[in-house]
Amino acid sequence: MTATSKAEQLCSLCRSLFERGYSVGGAGNVSVRLDDGGFLVTPTGGSLGRITPADLARIDAAGKPVAGPKPSKEFTFHQALFDCRPEAGAIVHLHSTYLTALSCLEDLPTDNALRPFTPYYVMRVGYLPVIPYYRPGAPEIGRDLARAASAHPVNAFLLASHGVVVLGRDLEDAVNNAEELEETARLAFILRGEKIRYLTEVEIAELGGPARR
């Protein structure tokens, strides 16, 4: 896919996420890896619902802005993940309602904030490690995400009191992963106080889900 096609797809999917309430205002950011090793990134402070291809920042393979407006200040943690996950083609960072609510709970298990109870969560995400709270844009987020991504073979990480970071093979895959994860979090809140049937380790293994380390 050409850079132009990727830019158009990025804007279309960002609008879709915004229109369905996965981001509000200027929250959230999305990036996609280009064939030349560079990246397209949503702009700093830009609303996912109102960006056009001309609004996207272009970053070269070394992480240097080469065209467009100033990229999201949180691209530093995107790049940290891209560096340690060469198979990732796109990253979506959202402040979606249920995952952000989950991120604000005290005493979350840091190895997995969301115990699996549906096969789709396992197949698309795996499990959900938690990154400690840092102010938005802090370099420690990228450092801790890179460490977690090296230790955990999963497609998403929960940022405490902040939101979620989701990876995918390409942009559509990353968005699909983010949608499935948000739905799983929504179901988890709906089921709070009920007796949930969680998947067993055998069932998780049958789905090809990663084992927690």
Protein backbone atom coordinates (compact mmCIF):
# COMPACT_ATOMS: atom_id res chain seq x y z
CA MET A 1 0.00 0.00 0.00
CA THR A 2 1.35 3.43 -0.93
CA ALA A 3 1.94 6.20 1.58
CA THR A 4 -1.02 8.08 0.08
CA SER A 5 -3.31 5.08 0.50
CA LYS A 6 -2.13 4.56 4.07
CA ALA A 7 -2.78 8.23 4.87
CA GLU A 8 -6.31 8.01 3.51
CA GLN A 9 -6.99 4.78 5.39
CA LEU A 10 -5.57 6.24 8.62
CA CYS A 11 -7.86 9.27 8.44
CA SER A 12 -10.89 7.15 7.60
CA LEU A 13 -10.34 4.74 10.49
CA CYS A 14 -9.57 7.59 12.90
CA ARG A 15 -12.89 9.26 11.99
CA SER A 16 -14.66 5.95 12.55
CA LEU A 17 -13.11 5.57 16.01
CA PHE A 18 -14.01 9.15 16.92
CA GLU A 19 -17.59 8.90 15.69
CA ARG A 20 -18.14 5.81 17.83
CA GLY A 21 -16.75 7.41 20.97
CA TYR A 22 -13.38 5.68 21.14
CA SER A 23 -11.72 9.11 21.42
CA VAL A 24 -12.92 12.60 22.34
CA GLY A 25 -11.58 16.08 21.67
CA GLY A 26 -7.88 15.92 20.85
CA ALA A 27 -7.27 12.71 22.78
CA GLY A 28 -5.60 9.67 21.29
CA ASN A 29 -3.05 9.19 18.54
CA VAL A 30 -2.37 6.73 15.75
CA SER A 31 0.69 5.86 13.70
CA VAL A 32 1.41 3.59 10.75
CA ARG A 33 4.70 2.25 9.44
CA LEU A 34 5.52 3.09 5.81
CA ASP A 35 7.28 0.82 3.33
CA ASP A 36 10.42 3.00 3.45
CA GLY A 37 10.74 2.47 7.20
CA GLY A 38 9.27 5.86 8.10
CA PHE A 39 5.91 6.62 9.71
CA LEU A 40 2.73 8.63 9.37
CA VAL A 41 1.50 10.03 12.68
CA THR A 42 -1.53 12.00 13.79
CA PRO A 43 -0.67 15.59 14.79
CA THR A 44 -0.25 16.85 18.32
CA GLY A 45 -3.57 18.01 19.73
CA GLY A 46 -5.43 16.93 16.60
CA SER A 47 -8.88 15.39 16.89
CA LEU A 48 -9.06 11.91 15.39
CA GLY A 49 -12.47 12.86 14.01
CA ARG A 50 -11.28 15.83 11.99
CA ILE A 51 -7.91 15.00 10.46
CA THR A 52 -7.12 14.84 6.76
CA PRO A 53 -4.06 13.39 5.00
CA ALA A 54 -2.58 16.92 4.91
CA ASP A 55 -2.74 17.05 8.71
CA LEU A 56 -0.52 14.01 9.21
CA ALA A 57 3.11 14.26 10.24
CA ARG A 58 5.64 12.22 8.32
CA ILE A 59 8.59 10.82 10.26
CA ASP A 60 11.65 9.17 8.72
CA ALA A 61 13.07 5.82 9.83
CA ALA A 62 15.43 7.55 12.25
CA GLY A 63 12.54 9.28 14.01
CA LYS A 64 13.09 12.74 12.49
CA PRO A 65 10.05 14.76 11.30
CA VAL A 66 10.37 15.40 7.57
CA ALA A 67 6.97 16.77 6.51
CA GLY A 68 3.65 17.97 7.83
CA PRO A 69 2.71 19.45 11.21
CA LYS A 70 4.23 18.61 14.59
CA PRO A 71 3.54 14.95 15.42
CA SER A 72 1.83 13.83 18.58
CA LYS A 73 4.09 14.29 21.59
CA GLU A 74 3.38 10.64 22.40
CA PHE A 75 4.96 9.36 19.21
CA THR A 76 8.07 8.69 21.30
CA PHE A 77 6.40 5.65 22.85
CA HIS A 78 5.06 4.55 19.47
CA GLN A 79 8.62 4.56 18.15
CA ALA A 80 9.87 2.61 21.18
CA LEU A 81 7.31 -0.08 20.41
CA PHE A 82 8.03 -0.10 16.68
CA ASP A 83 11.73 -0.51 17.44
CA CYS A 84 11.22 -3.62 19.57
CA ARG A 85 8.30 -5.03 17.56
CA PRO A 86 9.41 -5.02 13.90
CA GLU A 87 6.35 -7.06 12.93
CA ALA A 88 4.02 -4.23 14.03
CA GLY A 89 2.70 -2.11 11.18
CA ALA A 90 0.53 0.28 13.19
CA ILE A 91 -0.17 1.48 16.72
CA VAL A 92 -3.40 2.91 18.11
CA HIS A 93 -3.48 4.81 21.42
CA LEU A 94 -6.98 5.53 22.71
CA HIS A 95 -8.72 6.92 25.78
CA SER A 96 -11.77 4.76 25.09
CA THR A 97 -14.33 4.76 27.88
CA TYR A 98 -14.19 1.28 29.38
CA LEU A 99 -10.47 0.69 29.00
CA THR A 100 -9.71 4.09 30.51
CA ALA A 101 -12.09 3.31 33.37
CA LEU A 102 -10.28 0.00 33.86
CA SER A 103 -6.94 1.81 33.87
CA CYS A 104 -8.12 3.99 36.77
CA LEU A 105 -8.86 1.10 39.14
CA GLU A 106 -6.54 0.56 42.09
CA ASP A 107 -4.52 -2.61 42.58
CA LEU A 108 -4.78 -3.92 39.03
CA PRO A 109 -2.66 -7.05 38.48
CA THR A 110 0.30 -5.64 36.58
CA ASP A 111 0.83 -8.81 34.56
CA ASN A 112 -2.76 -8.90 33.30
CA ALA A 113 -5.51 -6.37 33.99
CA LEU A 114 -8.21 -8.29 32.17
CA ARG A 115 -8.58 -12.01 32.76
CA PRO A 116 -9.86 -13.69 29.57
CA PHE A 117 -13.45 -14.88 29.37
CA THR A 118 -14.02 -14.77 25.59
CA PRO A 119 -11.96 -16.44 22.85
CA TYR A 120 -11.85 -13.28 20.71
CA TYR A 121 -9.92 -11.32 23.33
CA VAL A 122 -7.38 -14.13 23.52
CA MET A 123 -7.01 -14.44 19.75
CA ARG A 124 -6.71 -10.72 19.07
CA VAL A 125 -4.90 -9.38 22.14
CA GLY A 126 -3.68 -12.23 24.35
CA TYR A 127 -3.70 -10.57 27.77
CA LEU A 128 -3.23 -7.05 29.11
CA PRO A 129 -0.09 -5.98 31.03
CA VAL A 130 -0.22 -2.68 32.93
CA ILE A 131 2.28 0.16 32.60
CA PRO A 132 2.62 2.42 35.71
CA TYR A 133 1.25 5.95 35.59
CA TYR A 134 3.44 8.72 34.17
CA ARG A 135 2.37 12.13 32.91
CA PRO A 136 1.35 12.07 29.22
CA GLY A 137 4.40 12.39 27.00
CA ALA A 138 6.85 11.30 29.70
CA PRO A 139 9.83 9.33 28.30
CA GLU A 140 9.30 6.65 30.94
CA ILE A 141 6.19 5.48 29.08
CA GLY A 142 8.24 4.48 26.04
CA ARG A 143 10.90 2.88 28.22
CA ASP A 144 8.40 0.77 30.14
CA LEU A 145 6.38 -0.11 27.03
CA ALA A 146 9.52 -1.37 25.29
CA ARG A 147 10.40 -3.49 28.31
CA ALA A 148 6.89 -4.89 28.51
CA ALA A 149 6.71 -5.54 24.77
CA SER A 150 9.97 -7.49 24.98
CA ALA A 151 8.71 -9.54 27.94
CA HIS A 152 5.07 -10.12 26.92
CA PRO A 153 4.03 -11.51 23.49
CA VAL A 154 0.77 -9.53 23.40
CA ASN A 155 -0.84 -6.85 21.23
CA ALA A 156 -1.92 -4.33 23.88
CA PHE A 157 -0.80 -2.57 27.04
CA LEU A 158 -2.86 -0.61 29.56
CA LEU A 159 -1.41 2.72 30.71
CA ALA A 160 -2.47 3.29 34.32
CA SER A 161 -4.91 6.20 34.72
CA HIS A 162 -4.45 7.03 31.05
CA GLY A 163 -5.70 4.65 28.35
CA VAL A 164 -4.59 1.83 26.11
CA VAL A 165 -1.91 1.19 23.48
CA VAL A 166 -2.72 -1.41 20.83
CA LEU A 167 -0.53 -2.90 18.08
CA GLY A 168 -1.41 -4.65 14.84
CA ARG A 169 0.15 -6.14 11.72
CA ASP A 170 -1.29 -3.19 9.83
CA LEU A 171 -3.64 -0.33 10.58
CA GLU A 172 -6.87 -2.26 10.10
CA ASP A 173 -5.58 -5.08 12.31
CA ALA A 174 -4.60 -2.62 15.07
CA VAL A 175 -8.03 -0.96 14.97
CA ASN A 176 -9.78 -4.35 15.06
CA ASN A 177 -7.65 -5.33 18.05
CA ALA A 178 -8.53 -2.08 19.82
CA GLU A 179 -12.25 -2.55 19.15
CA GLU A 180 -12.22 -6.12 20.48
CA LEU A 181 -10.31 -5.04 23.58
CA GLU A 182 -12.68 -2.16 24.36
CA GLU A 183 -15.66 -4.50 23.98
CA THR A 184 -14.05 -6.99 26.36
CA ALA A 185 -13.54 -4.23 28.94
CA ARG A 186 -17.17 -3.13 28.50
CA LEU A 187 -18.37 -6.68 29.10
CA ALA A 188 -16.13 -6.94 32.16
CA PHE A 189 -17.86 -3.92 33.71
CA ILE A 190 -21.31 -5.23 32.77
CA LEU A 191 -20.48 -8.55 34.44
CA ARG A 192 -19.02 -7.07 37.64
CA GLY A 193 -20.56 -8.83 40.61
CA GLU A 194 -21.66 -11.79 38.50
CA LYS A 195 -20.09 -15.23 38.49
CA ILE A 196 -17.94 -15.19 35.35
CA ARG A 197 -16.79 -18.32 33.58
CA TYR A 198 -13.16 -17.56 32.76
CA LEU A 199 -11.31 -19.51 30.09
CA THR A 200 -8.99 -22.20 31.39
CA GLU A 201 -5.29 -22.35 30.55
CA VAL A 202 -6.02 -25.35 28.32
CA GLU A 203 -8.71 -23.43 26.43
CA ILE A 204 -6.41 -20.44 26.04
CA ALA A 205 -3.66 -22.66 24.66
CA GLU A 206 -6.11 -24.20 22.18
CA LEU A 207 -6.78 -20.71 20.83
CA GLY A 208 -3.09 -20.06 20.33
CA GLY A 209 -3.05 -17.45 23.07
CA PRO A 210 0.29 -16.48 24.61
CA ALA A 211 1.19 -17.86 27.99
CA ARG A 212 1.67 -15.26 30.69
CA ARG A 213 5.29 -14.86 31.76
